Amino acid sequence: MIVDALEQAWQVWAELGRDLDEEQWRRPTRLPDWTVKDVYAHHADFPAGTAAGVAAPEPEAPVTHADAAALLAHMQQPGGIADQTREEVRTTALQRAGSPTGELVAQFTDLAPEVIASLRTADLDRKVDYGGFAVVPAGEALRIFLMEAVVHHFDMAAALDLPIPGPMAGAPVRETVRLLAETADPVALIDAATGRGTPPVFPVLH
């Protein structure tokens, strides 16, 4: 279940944040000009954002994307939303990284468990607003949030010389692989994976 996988992922973030010293927070990651704290700060708003999305009234507008893969493919179009918001996302992360580390870690140690508990009784088929530009089923939005948690944990783990996938092994990694495979062009992915050619499959996300 997606909620179980997200719970595992956010517990990993909580444990990581509790263990880091000041030098580790400042380490550069494989994302150009992003430190470990920048990456952590970027994802630290996801528990609160998830809670707000589920608590908000269901949008009257129809679903724009039936699943997470369709939404990601739409966002990743050249010149699309991902490209348009890239600098805004980075600026927001840098601003958030100015917060005390304890405040950032508390999003996963204190708030995230409450959010997970609420998700277990929530209707994950209900519509939610996604960033003001899409309407998707709540469970599909959670799939994207999980993917973000896994990918960015790998970014930090690489910088900190921690094992990958490490504690993200199991459901979080499986669900992330599944989503990325669904987002990729299916024919190109099959041909590349079976050695039938070298079509331009990767990166699936930028």
Protein backbone atom coordinates (compact mmCIF):
# COMPACT_ATOMS: atom_id res chain seq x y z
CA MET A 1 0.00 0.00 0.00
CA ILE A 2 1.26 3.44 -0.90
CA VAL A 3 0.75 4.77 2.63
CA ASP A 4 2.93 2.02 4.10
CA ALA A 5 5.70 2.80 1.62
CA LEU A 6 5.47 6.53 2.32
CA GLU A 7 5.57 5.88 6.07
CA GLN A 8 8.77 3.87 5.66
CA ALA A 9 10.32 6.58 3.51
CA TRP A 10 9.49 9.40 5.90
CA GLN A 11 10.80 7.36 8.84
CA VAL A 12 14.09 7.10 6.95
CA TRP A 13 14.15 10.89 6.59
CA ALA A 14 13.47 11.28 10.31
CA GLU A 15 16.31 8.97 11.27
CA LEU A 16 18.71 10.58 8.84
CA GLY A 17 17.98 14.09 10.08
CA ARG A 18 18.47 13.11 13.71
CA ASP A 19 21.91 11.68 13.00
CA LEU A 20 23.59 14.43 10.95
CA ASP A 21 26.23 16.80 12.29
CA GLU A 22 26.88 20.31 11.02
CA GLU A 23 29.59 19.24 8.59
CA GLN A 24 27.30 16.63 7.04
CA TRP A 25 24.46 19.10 6.61
CA ARG A 26 26.80 21.33 4.59
CA ARG A 27 28.10 18.65 2.22
CA PRO A 28 27.51 19.21 -1.49
CA THR A 29 25.25 16.72 -3.24
CA ARG A 30 25.19 15.46 -6.80
CA LEU A 31 22.60 18.17 -7.52
CA PRO A 32 24.70 21.15 -8.62
CA ASP A 33 24.81 23.84 -5.91
CA TRP A 34 22.53 21.90 -3.55
CA THR A 35 23.82 20.90 -0.11
CA VAL A 36 22.43 18.08 1.99
CA LYS A 37 20.46 20.65 3.99
CA ASP A 38 19.07 22.21 0.81
CA VAL A 39 17.78 18.83 -0.35
CA TYR A 40 16.39 18.00 3.08
CA ALA A 41 14.68 21.38 3.30
CA HIS A 42 13.12 20.91 -0.15
CA HIS A 43 11.33 17.74 0.92
CA ALA A 44 10.61 18.87 4.49
CA ASP A 45 7.45 20.67 3.42
CA PHE A 46 5.90 17.53 1.92
CA PRO A 47 4.26 16.20 5.13
CA ALA A 48 2.50 19.51 5.78
CA GLY A 49 1.61 19.87 2.12
CA THR A 50 0.15 16.37 2.11
CA ALA A 51 -1.97 17.11 5.16
CA ALA A 52 -3.25 20.36 3.64
CA GLY A 53 -4.13 18.69 0.36
CA VAL A 54 -6.12 15.90 1.97
CA ALA A 55 -7.92 18.31 4.33
CA ALA A 56 -8.87 20.77 1.59
CA PRO A 57 -12.33 20.59 -0.02
CA GLU A 58 -12.44 18.29 -3.01
CA PRO A 59 -11.99 20.30 -6.21
CA GLU A 60 -15.06 20.73 -8.37
CA ALA A 61 -12.94 20.52 -11.50
CA PRO A 62 -12.62 17.13 -13.19
CA VAL A 63 -9.51 14.97 -12.94
CA THR A 64 -6.90 16.22 -15.40
CA HIS A 65 -4.54 13.25 -15.08
CA ALA A 66 -5.78 9.81 -14.11
CA ASP A 67 -2.50 8.63 -12.67
CA ALA A 68 0.87 9.82 -11.43
CA ALA A 69 2.72 8.74 -14.56
CA ALA A 70 0.47 10.81 -16.81
CA LEU A 71 0.99 13.85 -14.60
CA LEU A 72 4.77 13.41 -14.50
CA ALA A 73 4.92 13.00 -18.28
CA HIS A 74 2.92 16.22 -18.65
CA MET A 75 5.17 18.09 -16.23
CA GLN A 76 8.33 16.86 -17.94
CA GLN A 77 7.50 18.07 -21.44
CA PRO A 78 10.22 20.33 -22.88
CA GLY A 79 9.48 23.84 -21.71
CA GLY A 80 6.76 22.49 -19.46
CA ILE A 81 6.01 22.93 -15.79
CA ALA A 82 9.18 21.23 -14.54
CA ASP A 83 11.33 23.57 -16.62
CA GLN A 84 9.26 26.63 -15.77
CA THR A 85 9.40 26.09 -12.01
CA ARG A 86 12.97 24.79 -11.67
CA GLU A 87 14.45 28.05 -10.38
CA GLU A 88 11.46 28.74 -8.14
CA VAL A 89 11.84 25.29 -6.56
CA ARG A 90 15.52 25.89 -5.93
CA THR A 91 14.93 29.37 -4.48
CA THR A 92 12.26 28.03 -2.14
CA ALA A 93 14.54 25.21 -1.00
CA LEU A 94 17.38 27.62 -0.24
CA GLN A 95 15.06 29.86 1.75
CA ARG A 96 13.68 26.90 3.67
CA ALA A 97 17.23 25.69 4.35
CA GLY A 98 17.74 28.81 6.43
CA SER A 99 15.47 27.29 9.07
CA PRO A 100 17.00 25.57 12.12
CA THR A 101 17.78 21.95 11.40
CA GLY A 102 15.63 20.88 14.32
CA GLU A 103 12.60 22.50 12.72
CA LEU A 104 13.21 20.68 9.46
CA VAL A 105 13.73 17.30 11.12
CA ALA A 106 10.57 17.76 13.20
CA GLN A 107 8.53 17.65 9.99
CA PHE A 108 9.41 13.95 9.81
CA THR A 109 9.79 13.03 13.48
CA ASP A 110 6.66 14.83 14.73
CA LEU A 111 4.34 15.83 11.90
CA ALA A 112 4.81 12.98 9.43
CA PRO A 113 3.48 10.25 11.77
CA GLU A 114 0.31 12.29 12.30
CA VAL A 115 -0.10 12.72 8.55
CA ILE A 116 0.40 9.01 7.92
CA ALA A 117 -2.24 8.20 10.56
CA SER A 118 -4.71 10.52 8.84
CA LEU A 119 -3.96 8.99 5.43
CA ARG A 120 -4.89 5.54 6.72
CA THR A 121 -8.50 6.65 7.09
CA ALA A 122 -8.59 9.03 4.13
CA ASP A 123 -10.28 8.37 0.81
CA LEU A 124 -7.31 8.10 -1.54
CA ASP A 125 -9.60 8.04 -4.56
CA ARG A 126 -10.88 11.55 -3.85
CA LYS A 127 -9.68 14.38 -6.10
CA VAL A 128 -6.98 16.76 -4.89
CA ASP A 129 -5.50 19.90 -6.37
CA TYR A 130 -1.89 19.36 -7.44
CA GLY A 131 0.07 22.60 -7.41
CA GLY A 132 -2.75 24.62 -8.91
CA PHE A 133 -2.22 23.13 -12.38
CA ALA A 134 -3.67 19.64 -12.13
CA VAL A 135 -6.36 17.58 -10.42
CA VAL A 136 -5.50 13.99 -9.57
CA PRO A 137 -6.67 11.19 -7.27
CA ALA A 138 -5.06 11.61 -3.83
CA GLY A 139 -3.34 8.24 -3.99
CA GLU A 140 -1.64 9.17 -7.25
CA ALA A 141 -0.28 12.37 -5.71
CA LEU A 142 1.17 10.25 -2.90
CA ARG A 143 3.01 8.12 -5.46
CA ILE A 144 4.84 11.23 -6.65
CA PHE A 145 5.61 12.30 -3.09
CA LEU A 146 7.08 8.85 -2.42
CA MET A 147 9.23 9.03 -5.54
CA GLU A 148 10.51 12.43 -4.41
CA ALA A 149 11.38 10.98 -0.99
CA VAL A 150 13.33 8.09 -2.49
CA VAL A 151 15.19 10.01 -5.20
CA HIS A 152 16.23 12.84 -2.89
CA HIS A 153 17.26 10.42 -0.16
CA PHE A 154 19.61 8.84 -2.68
CA ASP A 155 20.98 12.33 -3.43
CA MET A 156 21.80 12.82 0.23
CA ALA A 157 23.01 9.27 0.82
CA ALA A 158 25.51 9.59 -2.04
CA ALA A 159 26.88 12.79 -0.50
CA LEU A 160 27.09 11.20 2.95
CA ASP A 161 28.69 7.93 1.78
CA LEU A 162 25.70 5.95 3.01
CA PRO A 163 24.52 2.69 1.39
CA ILE A 164 22.03 2.96 -1.44
CA PRO A 165 19.18 1.93 -1.37
CA GLY A 166 19.93 1.25 2.30
CA PRO A 167 16.82 1.75 4.45
CA MET A 168 14.76 2.70 1.41
CA ALA A 169 14.94 -0.91 0.17
CA GLY A 170 11.64 -2.69 -0.24
CA ALA A 171 8.35 -0.97 -0.97
CA PRO A 172 9.66 2.61 -1.42
CA VAL A 173 12.16 1.55 -4.08
CA ARG A 174 9.76 -0.88 -5.78
CA GLU A 175 7.02 1.75 -6.03
CA THR A 176 9.47 4.35 -7.34
CA VAL A 177 10.79 2.01 -10.03
CA ARG A 178 7.23 1.18 -11.01
CA LEU A 179 6.28 4.84 -11.36
CA LEU A 180 9.36 5.72 -13.40
CA ALA A 181 8.76 2.73 -15.69
CA GLU A 182 5.16 3.82 -16.21
CA THR A 183 6.30 7.36 -17.03
CA ALA A 184 8.87 6.31 -19.63
CA ASP A 185 7.91 5.70 -23.25
CA PRO A 186 6.87 2.03 -23.09
CA VAL A 187 8.23 0.90 -26.46
CA ALA A 188 11.54 2.68 -26.00
CA LEU A 189 11.88 1.25 -22.48
CA ILE A 190 11.20 -2.31 -23.64
CA ASP A 191 13.63 -2.04 -26.55
CA ALA A 192 16.38 -0.54 -24.40
CA ALA A 193 15.86 -3.00 -21.54
CA THR A 194 15.98 -6.01 -23.86
CA GLY A 195 18.96 -4.85 -25.91
CA ARG A 196 16.93 -4.25 -29.07
CA GLY A 197 18.46 -0.83 -29.55
CA THR A 198 19.48 2.32 -27.77
CA PRO A 199 16.41 4.55 -27.94
CA PRO A 200 16.57 7.74 -25.86
CA VAL A 201 14.71 6.53 -22.76
CA PHE A 202 16.70 8.17 -20.00
CA PRO A 203 16.48 10.37 -18.11
CA VAL A 204 12.78 9.80 -17.52
CA LEU A 205 12.72 12.85 -15.24
CA HIS A 206 14.96 15.92 -15.35
